[in-house]
């Protein structure tokens, strides 16, 4: 039984890493094209082209200083994601699980995912997330890859997509998409 579990976890991690690298490659290609378009300016002697170039440079400087200032924000978001993930995969019943993550979500996420409703599904789950990654196009969207065991017999690979927003000075989950990944071969 352990052999099967390790094989499933290993294959899930491989699939997740493949997705991660594919997304990273696409982001690097987009970033390269954005950088080349920002540097390319026609030389017509017009002051508007020079102003555009100066404006783009100022935008780049502002975004780099914002990245440096966001270390505390990244830590707060990471803490939110880890807490949410731990609570989502480790529970005594679905109702208790939902209640445990409500404080980490916006009203929109609570309503959309019916987290405020107890489905009276009394079974246990245990699991963990192995990888948390950030979407390169949607900087407030994160993917959590993990595995769980439900009812002590069902082994699943989990892919949880979370969109995080800042609400009343705190980061909260605003959107959630839950996927179960099936191994093809």
N, C-alpha and C. Protein backbone atom coordinates (compact mmCIF):
# COMPACT_ATOMS: atom_id res chain seq x y z
N UNK A 1 0.83 -1.20 0.00
CA UNK A 1 0.00 0.00 0.00
C UNK A 1 0.87 1.25 0.00
N UNK A 2 1.99 1.21 0.76
CA UNK A 2 2.87 2.37 0.80
C UNK A 2 3.50 2.62 -0.55
N UNK A 3 3.84 1.54 -1.27
CA UNK A 3 4.42 1.69 -2.59
C UNK A 3 3.49 2.50 -3.49
N UNK A 4 2.21 2.19 -3.46
CA UNK A 4 1.22 2.89 -4.27
C UNK A 4 1.15 4.36 -3.87
N UNK A 5 1.14 4.63 -2.59
CA UNK A 5 1.04 6.01 -2.11
C UNK A 5 2.22 6.84 -2.54
N UNK A 6 3.42 6.28 -2.43
CA UNK A 6 4.62 7.01 -2.83
C UNK A 6 4.64 7.24 -4.34
N UNK A 7 4.20 6.25 -5.09
CA UNK A 7 4.16 6.38 -6.55
C UNK A 7 3.19 7.48 -6.95
N UNK A 8 2.06 7.55 -6.29
CA UNK A 8 1.06 8.58 -6.60
C UNK A 8 1.61 9.95 -6.24
N UNK A 9 2.22 10.06 -5.08
CA UNK A 9 2.78 11.35 -4.67
C UNK A 9 3.89 11.76 -5.62
N UNK A 10 4.78 10.83 -5.96
CA UNK A 10 5.88 11.15 -6.87
C UNK A 10 5.35 11.59 -8.22
N UNK A 11 4.40 10.86 -8.77
CA UNK A 11 3.86 11.23 -10.09
C UNK A 11 3.13 12.58 -10.02
N UNK A 12 2.45 12.83 -8.91
CA UNK A 12 1.78 14.12 -8.75
C UNK A 12 2.77 15.26 -8.71
N UNK A 13 3.88 15.07 -8.00
CA UNK A 13 4.91 16.10 -7.92
C UNK A 13 5.52 16.33 -9.30
N UNK A 14 5.75 15.26 -10.04
CA UNK A 14 6.31 15.38 -11.40
C UNK A 14 5.36 16.18 -12.29
N UNK A 15 4.08 15.86 -12.23
CA UNK A 15 3.08 16.59 -13.03
C UNK A 15 3.07 18.06 -12.62
N UNK A 16 3.09 18.32 -11.33
CA UNK A 16 3.08 19.70 -10.83
C UNK A 16 4.31 20.47 -11.28
N UNK A 17 5.46 19.84 -11.19
CA UNK A 17 6.68 20.50 -11.63
C UNK A 17 6.63 20.78 -13.13
N UNK A 18 6.09 19.85 -13.90
CA UNK A 18 5.94 20.08 -15.33
C UNK A 18 5.05 21.27 -15.61
N UNK A 19 3.95 21.38 -14.91
CA UNK A 19 3.05 22.52 -15.07
C UNK A 19 3.77 23.79 -14.68
N UNK A 20 4.49 23.76 -13.56
CA UNK A 20 5.21 24.93 -13.07
C UNK A 20 6.23 25.42 -14.10
N UNK A 21 7.04 24.49 -14.66
CA UNK A 21 8.04 24.89 -15.62
C UNK A 21 7.42 25.38 -16.92
N UNK A 22 6.33 24.77 -17.35
CA UNK A 22 5.63 25.22 -18.54
C UNK A 22 5.14 26.66 -18.35
N UNK A 23 4.53 26.93 -17.21
CA UNK A 23 4.03 28.27 -16.92
C UNK A 23 5.19 29.25 -16.82
N UNK A 24 6.30 28.83 -16.22
CA UNK A 24 7.47 29.69 -16.10
C UNK A 24 8.05 30.04 -17.46
N UNK A 25 8.12 29.04 -18.34
CA UNK A 25 8.64 29.28 -19.68
C UNK A 25 7.79 30.29 -20.44
N UNK A 26 6.48 30.13 -20.35
CA UNK A 26 5.59 31.06 -21.03
C UNK A 26 5.75 32.47 -20.47
N UNK A 27 5.95 32.58 -19.17
CA UNK A 27 6.14 33.88 -18.53
C UNK A 27 7.43 34.53 -18.95
N UNK A 28 8.50 33.74 -19.10
CA UNK A 28 9.78 34.29 -19.53
C UNK A 28 9.68 34.79 -20.96
N UNK A 29 8.97 34.05 -21.81
CA UNK A 29 8.80 34.49 -23.19
C UNK A 29 8.01 35.79 -23.23
N UNK A 30 6.96 35.90 -22.43
CA UNK A 30 6.16 37.13 -22.39
C UNK A 30 6.98 38.28 -21.84
N UNK A 31 7.79 38.01 -20.80
CA UNK A 31 8.61 39.06 -20.20
C UNK A 31 9.66 39.54 -21.19
N UNK A 32 10.26 38.61 -21.95
CA UNK A 32 11.25 38.98 -22.95
C UNK A 32 10.63 39.87 -24.01
N UNK A 33 9.43 39.52 -24.47
CA UNK A 33 8.78 40.35 -25.49
C UNK A 33 8.39 41.70 -24.92
N UNK A 34 7.98 41.76 -23.64
CA UNK A 34 7.65 43.04 -23.01
C UNK A 34 8.88 43.91 -22.87
N UNK A 35 10.02 43.32 -22.48
CA UNK A 35 11.25 44.09 -22.33
C UNK A 35 11.72 44.62 -23.67
N UNK A 36 11.65 43.81 -24.72
CA UNK A 36 12.11 44.27 -26.02
C UNK A 36 11.19 45.36 -26.56
N UNK A 37 9.90 45.30 -26.29
CA UNK A 37 9.01 46.34 -26.77
C UNK A 37 9.18 47.62 -25.97
N UNK A 38 9.59 47.53 -24.72
CA UNK A 38 9.80 48.72 -23.91
C UNK A 38 11.05 49.47 -24.35
N UNK A 39 12.05 48.76 -24.89
CA UNK A 39 13.29 49.39 -25.28
C UNK A 39 13.20 49.95 -26.69
N UNK A 40 12.38 49.35 -27.54
CA UNK A 40 12.27 49.77 -28.93
C UNK A 40 11.49 51.08 -29.04
N UNK A 41 12.13 52.10 -29.58
CA UNK A 41 11.51 53.39 -29.79
C UNK A 41 11.93 53.89 -31.16
N UNK A 42 10.97 54.33 -31.95
CA UNK A 42 11.29 54.87 -33.27
C UNK A 42 11.97 56.22 -33.10
N UNK A 43 13.00 56.47 -33.93
CA UNK A 43 13.71 57.72 -33.85
C UNK A 43 13.15 58.68 -34.88
N UNK A 44 12.14 59.42 -34.49
CA UNK A 44 11.55 60.43 -35.35
C UNK A 44 11.82 61.81 -34.80
N UNK A 45 12.51 61.87 -33.69
CA UNK A 45 12.81 63.16 -33.10
C UNK A 45 11.63 63.74 -32.35
N UNK A 46 10.59 62.96 -32.15
CA UNK A 46 9.43 63.50 -31.46
C UNK A 46 9.62 63.40 -29.96
N UNK A 47 9.14 64.38 -29.25
CA UNK A 47 9.28 64.40 -27.81
C UNK A 47 8.33 63.40 -27.15
N UNK A 48 7.26 63.01 -27.81
CA UNK A 48 6.33 62.05 -27.21
C UNK A 48 6.97 60.68 -27.07
N UNK A 49 7.80 60.28 -28.03
CA UNK A 49 8.49 58.99 -27.93
C UNK A 49 9.47 59.02 -26.76
N UNK A 50 10.16 60.13 -26.58
CA UNK A 50 11.10 60.25 -25.46
C UNK A 50 10.34 60.23 -24.13
N UNK A 51 9.20 60.91 -24.08
CA UNK A 51 8.39 60.92 -22.87
C UNK A 51 7.88 59.52 -22.54
N UNK A 52 7.49 58.76 -23.59
CA UNK A 52 7.03 57.40 -23.37
C UNK A 52 8.14 56.54 -22.78
N UNK A 53 9.38 56.71 -23.31
CA UNK A 53 10.51 55.94 -22.81
C UNK A 53 10.81 56.31 -21.36
N UNK A 54 10.78 57.58 -21.04
CA UNK A 54 11.02 58.03 -19.67
C UNK A 54 9.93 57.49 -18.75
N UNK A 55 8.69 57.52 -19.22
CA UNK A 55 7.57 57.02 -18.43
C UNK A 55 7.73 55.53 -18.15
N UNK A 56 8.15 54.76 -19.17
CA UNK A 56 8.34 53.32 -18.98
C UNK A 56 9.46 53.05 -17.99
N UNK A 57 10.54 53.82 -18.05
CA UNK A 57 11.64 53.64 -17.10
C UNK A 57 11.19 53.95 -15.68
N UNK A 58 10.39 55.01 -15.51
CA UNK A 58 9.88 55.35 -14.18
C UNK A 58 8.97 54.25 -13.66
N UNK A 59 8.13 53.69 -14.54
CA UNK A 59 7.26 52.58 -14.13
C UNK A 59 8.08 51.39 -13.67
N UNK A 60 9.17 51.08 -14.41
CA UNK A 60 10.02 49.95 -14.03
C UNK A 60 10.68 50.19 -12.68
N UNK A 61 11.13 51.43 -12.42
CA UNK A 61 11.76 51.75 -11.14
C UNK A 61 10.75 51.64 -10.01
N UNK A 62 9.52 52.12 -10.23
CA UNK A 62 8.48 52.04 -9.21
C UNK A 62 8.13 50.59 -8.91
N UNK A 63 8.04 49.75 -9.95
CA UNK A 63 7.68 48.36 -9.72
C UNK A 63 8.80 47.62 -9.00
N UNK A 64 10.07 47.95 -9.28
CA UNK A 64 11.16 47.27 -8.57
C UNK A 64 11.21 47.69 -7.11
N UNK A 65 10.92 48.96 -6.80
CA UNK A 65 10.91 49.37 -5.39
C UNK A 65 9.70 48.77 -4.68
N UNK A 66 8.61 48.60 -5.38
CA UNK A 66 7.43 47.96 -4.77
C UNK A 66 7.72 46.50 -4.45
N UNK A 67 8.52 45.83 -5.31
CA UNK A 67 8.89 44.45 -5.05
C UNK A 67 9.74 44.34 -3.80
N UNK A 68 10.64 45.29 -3.61
CA UNK A 68 11.49 45.28 -2.42
C UNK A 68 10.67 45.50 -1.16
N UNK A 69 9.65 46.35 -1.23
CA UNK A 69 8.82 46.65 -0.07
C UNK A 69 7.81 45.55 0.24
N UNK A 70 7.64 44.61 -0.67
CA UNK A 70 6.58 43.62 -0.52
C UNK A 70 7.01 42.36 0.23
N UNK A 71 8.18 42.36 0.84
CA UNK A 71 8.64 41.18 1.56
C UNK A 71 7.68 40.81 2.68
N UNK A 72 7.23 41.80 3.44
CA UNK A 72 6.27 41.54 4.51
C UNK A 72 4.95 41.04 3.97
N UNK A 73 4.54 41.58 2.83
CA UNK A 73 3.30 41.14 2.20
C UNK A 73 3.42 39.68 1.76
N UNK A 74 4.56 39.33 1.16
CA UNK A 74 4.77 37.95 0.71
C UNK A 74 4.71 36.98 1.89
N UNK A 75 5.32 37.38 3.01
CA UNK A 75 5.29 36.51 4.18
C UNK A 75 3.87 36.34 4.71
N UNK A 76 3.09 37.42 4.71
CA UNK A 76 1.70 37.34 5.17
C UNK A 76 0.87 36.45 4.25
N UNK A 77 1.09 36.56 2.96
CA UNK A 77 0.35 35.73 2.00
C UNK A 77 0.77 34.27 2.14
N UNK A 78 2.06 34.02 2.30
CA UNK A 78 2.54 32.65 2.48
C UNK A 78 1.94 32.03 3.74
N UNK A 79 1.87 32.79 4.81
CA UNK A 79 1.28 32.29 6.05
C UNK A 79 -0.20 31.95 5.83
N UNK A 80 -0.92 32.84 5.13
CA UNK A 80 -2.33 32.58 4.82
C UNK A 80 -2.49 31.30 4.01
N UNK A 81 -1.67 31.13 2.97
CA UNK A 81 -1.78 29.96 2.10
C UNK A 81 -1.47 28.67 2.85
N UNK A 82 -0.44 28.69 3.68
CA UNK A 82 -0.08 27.49 4.44
C UNK A 82 -1.17 27.14 5.46
N UNK A 83 -1.69 28.15 6.14
CA UNK A 83 -2.75 27.91 7.12
C UNK A 83 -4.00 27.37 6.43
N UNK A 84 -4.39 28.00 5.33
CA UNK A 84 -5.56 27.55 4.59
C UNK A 84 -5.36 26.12 4.12
N UNK A 85 -4.20 25.84 3.53
CA UNK A 85 -3.93 24.49 3.02
C UNK A 85 -3.95 23.43 4.10
N UNK A 86 -3.35 23.72 5.24
CA UNK A 86 -3.32 22.76 6.35
C UNK A 86 -4.75 22.48 6.84
N UNK A 87 -5.54 23.54 6.98
CA UNK A 87 -6.92 23.36 7.45
C UNK A 87 -7.78 22.66 6.40
N UNK A 88 -7.53 22.93 5.13
CA UNK A 88 -8.35 22.36 4.07
C UNK A 88 -8.16 20.85 3.95
N UNK A 89 -6.95 20.38 4.16
CA UNK A 89 -6.68 18.95 3.96
C UNK A 89 -6.75 18.11 5.23
N UNK A 90 -6.82 18.73 6.41
CA UNK A 90 -6.84 17.98 7.66
C UNK A 90 -8.10 18.35 8.44
N UNK A 91 -9.04 17.40 8.51
CA UNK A 91 -10.34 17.69 9.11
C UNK A 91 -10.99 16.44 9.66
N UNK A 92 -11.98 16.66 10.55
CA UNK A 92 -12.78 15.56 11.11
C UNK A 92 -14.12 15.43 10.40
N UNK A 93 -14.58 16.51 9.78
CA UNK A 93 -15.79 16.49 8.96
C UNK A 93 -15.71 17.67 8.01
N UNK A 94 -16.46 17.59 6.93
CA UNK A 94 -16.44 18.67 5.94
C UNK A 94 -16.97 19.97 6.56
N UNK A 95 -17.99 19.87 7.39
CA UNK A 95 -18.54 21.06 8.05
C UNK A 95 -17.51 21.74 8.93
N UNK A 96 -16.73 20.95 9.69
CA UNK A 96 -15.69 21.53 10.54
C UNK A 96 -14.57 22.12 9.69
N UNK A 97 -14.24 21.45 8.59
CA UNK A 97 -13.22 21.99 7.69
C UNK A 97 -13.65 23.35 7.15
N UNK A 98 -14.88 23.41 6.65
CA UNK A 98 -15.39 24.66 6.10
C UNK A 98 -15.39 25.77 7.14
N UNK A 99 -15.84 25.44 8.35
CA UNK A 99 -15.87 26.44 9.42
C UNK A 99 -14.47 26.92 9.78
N UNK A 100 -13.48 26.05 9.66
CA UNK A 100 -12.11 26.43 10.04
C UNK A 100 -11.47 27.39 9.04
N UNK A 101 -11.93 27.41 7.79
CA UNK A 101 -11.32 28.31 6.80
C UNK A 101 -12.14 29.57 6.55
N UNK A 102 -13.33 29.66 7.12
CA UNK A 102 -14.21 30.82 6.88
C UNK A 102 -13.51 32.12 7.24
N UNK A 103 -12.80 32.16 8.36
CA UNK A 103 -12.14 33.39 8.80
C UNK A 103 -11.02 33.82 7.86
N UNK A 104 -10.57 32.91 6.99
CA UNK A 104 -9.49 33.21 6.06
C UNK A 104 -10.01 33.65 4.69
N UNK A 105 -11.34 33.72 4.54
CA UNK A 105 -11.95 33.99 3.23
C UNK A 105 -12.79 35.26 3.25
N UNK A 106 -12.97 35.82 2.05
CA UNK A 106 -13.87 36.95 1.88
C UNK A 106 -15.31 36.43 1.80
N UNK A 107 -16.26 37.33 1.92
CA UNK A 107 -17.67 36.93 1.78
C UNK A 107 -17.94 36.31 0.42
N UNK A 108 -17.28 36.84 -0.60
CA UNK A 108 -17.45 36.31 -1.96
C UNK A 108 -17.05 34.83 -2.02
N UNK A 109 -15.91 34.49 -1.44
CA UNK A 109 -15.43 33.11 -1.46
C UNK A 109 -16.31 32.21 -0.61
N UNK A 110 -16.78 32.73 0.52
CA UNK A 110 -17.65 31.95 1.40
C UNK A 110 -18.94 31.58 0.68
N UNK A 111 -19.53 32.55 0.01
CA UNK A 111 -20.79 32.29 -0.71
C UNK A 111 -20.57 31.38 -1.91
N UNK A 112 -19.53 31.67 -2.71
CA UNK A 112 -19.29 30.91 -3.94
C UNK A 112 -18.98 29.44 -3.66
N UNK A 113 -18.30 29.17 -2.55
CA UNK A 113 -17.90 27.80 -2.22
C UNK A 113 -18.80 27.16 -1.16
N UNK A 114 -19.85 27.85 -0.76
CA UNK A 114 -20.80 27.36 0.24
C UNK A 114 -20.10 26.93 1.53
N UNK A 115 -19.14 27.72 1.95
CA UNK A 115 -18.39 27.39 3.17
C UNK A 115 -19.21 27.62 4.43
N UNK A 116 -20.29 28.38 4.31
CA UNK A 116 -21.13 28.66 5.47
C UNK A 116 -22.26 27.64 5.65
N UNK A 117 -22.22 26.57 4.87
CA UNK A 117 -23.24 25.52 4.93
C UNK A 117 -22.58 24.22 5.39
N UNK A 118 -23.19 23.55 6.35
CA UNK A 118 -22.68 22.26 6.82
C UNK A 118 -23.33 21.15 6.01
N UNK A 119 -22.57 20.42 5.19
CA UNK A 119 -23.16 19.36 4.38
C UNK A 119 -23.38 18.06 5.15
N UNK A 120 -23.02 18.03 6.43
CA UNK A 120 -23.18 16.86 7.29
C UNK A 120 -22.47 15.64 6.70
N UNK A 121 -21.28 15.87 6.20
CA UNK A 121 -20.43 14.78 5.69
C UNK A 121 -19.38 14.50 6.76
N UNK A 122 -19.65 13.50 7.58
CA UNK A 122 -18.80 13.21 8.73
C UNK A 122 -17.77 12.13 8.42
N UNK A 123 -16.74 12.52 7.72
CA UNK A 123 -15.60 11.63 7.51
C UNK A 123 -14.33 12.45 7.62
N UNK A 124 -13.24 11.76 7.89
CA UNK A 124 -11.97 12.43 8.16
C UNK A 124 -11.10 12.48 6.92
N UNK A 125 -10.24 13.49 6.91
CA UNK A 125 -9.24 13.62 5.86
C UNK A 125 -7.93 14.08 6.44
N UNK A 126 -6.83 13.61 5.87
CA UNK A 126 -5.50 14.03 6.27
C UNK A 126 -4.68 14.22 5.00
N UNK A 127 -3.85 15.24 5.02
CA UNK A 127 -3.01 15.47 3.87
C UNK A 127 -2.08 16.63 4.07
N UNK A 128 -1.36 16.94 3.01
CA UNK A 128 -0.47 18.10 3.06
C UNK A 128 -0.21 18.60 1.65
N UNK A 129 0.12 19.88 1.57
CA UNK A 129 0.52 20.46 0.30
C UNK A 129 2.03 20.41 0.21
N UNK A 130 2.52 20.02 -0.95
CA UNK A 130 3.95 19.86 -1.15
C UNK A 130 4.58 21.04 -1.86
N UNK A 131 3.77 21.81 -2.58
CA UNK A 131 4.30 22.90 -3.38
C UNK A 131 3.28 24.03 -3.46
N UNK A 132 3.74 25.24 -3.26
CA UNK A 132 2.92 26.43 -3.46
C UNK A 132 3.63 27.27 -4.49
N UNK A 133 2.92 27.66 -5.53
CA UNK A 133 3.52 28.47 -6.59
C UNK A 133 2.58 29.60 -6.97
N UNK A 134 3.15 30.65 -7.54
CA UNK A 134 2.38 31.84 -7.89
C UNK A 134 2.19 31.89 -9.39
N UNK A 135 1.00 32.25 -9.83
CA UNK A 135 0.70 32.43 -11.24
C UNK A 135 1.48 33.64 -11.74
N UNK A 136 2.15 33.53 -12.88
CA UNK A 136 2.98 34.64 -13.35
C UNK A 136 2.17 35.73 -14.05
N UNK A 137 1.00 35.40 -14.52
CA UNK A 137 0.17 36.42 -15.18
C UNK A 137 -0.78 37.09 -14.20
N UNK A 138 -1.31 36.34 -13.27
CA UNK A 138 -2.21 36.85 -12.25
C UNK A 138 -1.46 36.79 -10.92
N UNK A 139 -0.81 37.88 -10.55
CA UNK A 139 0.09 37.84 -9.40
C UNK A 139 -0.61 37.58 -8.07
N UNK A 140 -1.92 37.68 -8.03
CA UNK A 140 -2.63 37.40 -6.78
C UNK A 140 -3.25 36.00 -6.77
N UNK A 141 -2.87 35.16 -7.73
CA UNK A 141 -3.38 33.79 -7.81
C UNK A 141 -2.26 32.81 -7.51
N UNK A 142 -2.57 31.81 -6.69
CA UNK A 142 -1.59 30.83 -6.25
C UNK A 142 -2.12 29.42 -6.48
N UNK A 143 -1.21 28.49 -6.75
CA UNK A 143 -1.56 27.09 -6.92
C UNK A 143 -0.90 26.30 -5.80
N UNK A 144 -1.68 25.46 -5.15
CA UNK A 144 -1.19 24.61 -4.08
C UNK A 144 -1.33 23.17 -4.55
N UNK A 145 -0.21 22.44 -4.60
CA UNK A 145 -0.21 21.05 -5.03
C UNK A 145 0.00 20.17 -3.82
N UNK A 146 -0.83 19.14 -3.67
CA UNK A 146 -0.69 18.28 -2.52
C UNK A 146 -1.36 16.95 -2.71
N UNK A 147 -1.46 16.23 -1.61
CA UNK A 147 -2.13 14.92 -1.62
C UNK A 147 -2.88 14.76 -0.32
N UNK A 148 -3.93 13.96 -0.38
CA UNK A 148 -4.68 13.68 0.84
C UNK A 148 -5.22 12.26 0.83
N UNK A 149 -5.60 11.82 2.02
CA UNK A 149 -6.20 10.51 2.22
C UNK A 149 -7.53 10.76 2.91
N UNK A 150 -8.61 10.28 2.29
CA UNK A 150 -9.95 10.48 2.82
C UNK A 150 -10.51 9.11 3.19
N UNK A 151 -11.16 9.06 4.35
CA UNK A 151 -11.76 7.80 4.85
C UNK A 151 -10.73 6.68 4.95
N UNK A 152 -9.50 7.05 5.13
CA UNK A 152 -8.36 6.14 5.30
C UNK A 152 -8.12 5.21 4.12
N UNK A 153 -8.83 5.41 3.01
CA UNK A 153 -8.63 4.52 1.87
C UNK A 153 -8.47 5.25 0.54
N UNK A 154 -9.03 6.42 0.41
CA UNK A 154 -9.01 7.12 -0.87
C UNK A 154 -7.82 8.07 -0.89
N UNK A 155 -6.87 7.79 -1.79
CA UNK A 155 -5.68 8.61 -1.95
C UNK A 155 -5.87 9.50 -3.18
N UNK A 156 -5.71 10.82 -2.98
CA UNK A 156 -5.94 11.75 -4.09
C UNK A 156 -4.81 12.76 -4.19
N UNK A 157 -4.58 13.23 -5.42
CA UNK A 157 -3.70 14.36 -5.67
C UNK A 157 -4.59 15.59 -5.77
N UNK A 158 -4.22 16.66 -5.07
CA UNK A 158 -5.05 17.85 -4.97
C UNK A 158 -4.34 19.03 -5.61
N UNK A 159 -5.08 19.78 -6.40
CA UNK A 159 -4.60 21.04 -6.96
C UNK A 159 -5.62 22.10 -6.56
N UNK A 160 -5.20 23.04 -5.72
CA UNK A 160 -6.08 24.08 -5.22
C UNK A 160 -5.60 25.42 -5.75
N UNK A 161 -6.47 26.12 -6.47
CA UNK A 161 -6.15 27.44 -7.02
C UNK A 161 -6.84 28.49 -6.15
N UNK A 162 -6.04 29.38 -5.56
CA UNK A 162 -6.57 30.40 -4.66
C UNK A 162 -6.20 31.78 -5.18
N UNK A 163 -7.18 32.68 -5.16
CA UNK A 163 -6.94 34.09 -5.47
C UNK A 163 -7.00 34.85 -4.15
N UNK A 164 -5.96 35.63 -3.88
CA UNK A 164 -5.82 36.33 -2.62
C UNK A 164 -6.00 37.83 -2.85
N UNK A 165 -6.75 38.47 -1.95
CA UNK A 165 -6.94 39.93 -1.99
C UNK A 165 -6.70 40.49 -0.59
N UNK A 166 -6.43 41.79 -0.55
CA UNK A 166 -6.27 42.46 0.73
C UNK A 166 -7.60 43.10 1.08
N UNK A 167 -8.14 42.74 2.25
CA UNK A 167 -9.43 43.25 2.69
C UNK A 167 -9.29 43.70 4.14
N UNK A 168 -9.57 44.96 4.39
CA UNK A 168 -9.49 45.53 5.75
C UNK A 168 -8.11 45.29 6.37
N UNK A 169 -7.07 45.45 5.55
CA UNK A 169 -5.70 45.32 6.04
C UNK A 169 -5.19 43.91 6.18
N UNK A 170 -6.00 42.91 5.85
CA UNK A 170 -5.60 41.51 5.95
C UNK A 170 -5.74 40.83 4.59
N UNK A 171 -4.87 39.87 4.34
CA UNK A 171 -4.99 39.08 3.12
C UNK A 171 -5.98 37.96 3.36
N UNK A 172 -6.86 37.76 2.36
CA UNK A 172 -7.88 36.72 2.46
C UNK A 172 -8.05 36.04 1.11
N UNK A 173 -8.57 34.82 1.17
CA UNK A 173 -8.87 34.07 -0.05
C UNK A 173 -10.16 34.62 -0.62
N UNK A 174 -10.11 35.05 -1.89
CA UNK A 174 -11.28 35.65 -2.53
C UNK A 174 -11.95 34.68 -3.51
N UNK A 175 -11.17 33.81 -4.11
CA UNK A 175 -11.71 32.81 -5.03
C UNK A 175 -10.97 31.50 -4.81
N UNK A 176 -11.67 30.41 -5.04
CA UNK A 176 -11.08 29.10 -4.81
C UNK A 176 -11.60 28.12 -5.86
N UNK A 177 -10.67 27.37 -6.46
CA UNK A 177 -11.02 26.31 -7.40
C UNK A 177 -10.28 25.06 -6.94
N UNK A 178 -11.03 23.99 -6.69
CA UNK A 178 -10.46 22.74 -6.20
C UNK A 178 -10.50 21.71 -7.33
N UNK A 179 -9.33 21.10 -7.60
CA UNK A 179 -9.24 20.06 -8.62
C UNK A 179 -8.59 18.84 -8.01
N UNK A 180 -9.03 17.67 -8.45
CA UNK A 180 -8.37 16.43 -8.10
C UNK A 180 -7.70 15.92 -9.35
N UNK A 181 -6.41 15.65 -9.25
CA UNK A 181 -5.60 15.28 -10.40
C UNK A 181 -5.57 13.75 -10.49
N UNK A 182 -5.81 13.24 -11.69
CA UNK A 182 -5.80 11.81 -11.91
C UNK A 182 -4.55 11.46 -12.71
N UNK A 183 -3.88 10.40 -12.30
CA UNK A 183 -2.70 9.96 -13.00
C UNK A 183 -3.11 9.21 -14.26
N UNK A 184 -2.57 9.60 -15.39
CA UNK A 184 -2.92 8.97 -16.65
C UNK A 184 -2.19 7.64 -16.84
N UNK A 185 -0.91 7.62 -16.62
CA UNK A 185 -0.11 6.40 -16.71
C UNK A 185 1.20 6.57 -16.05
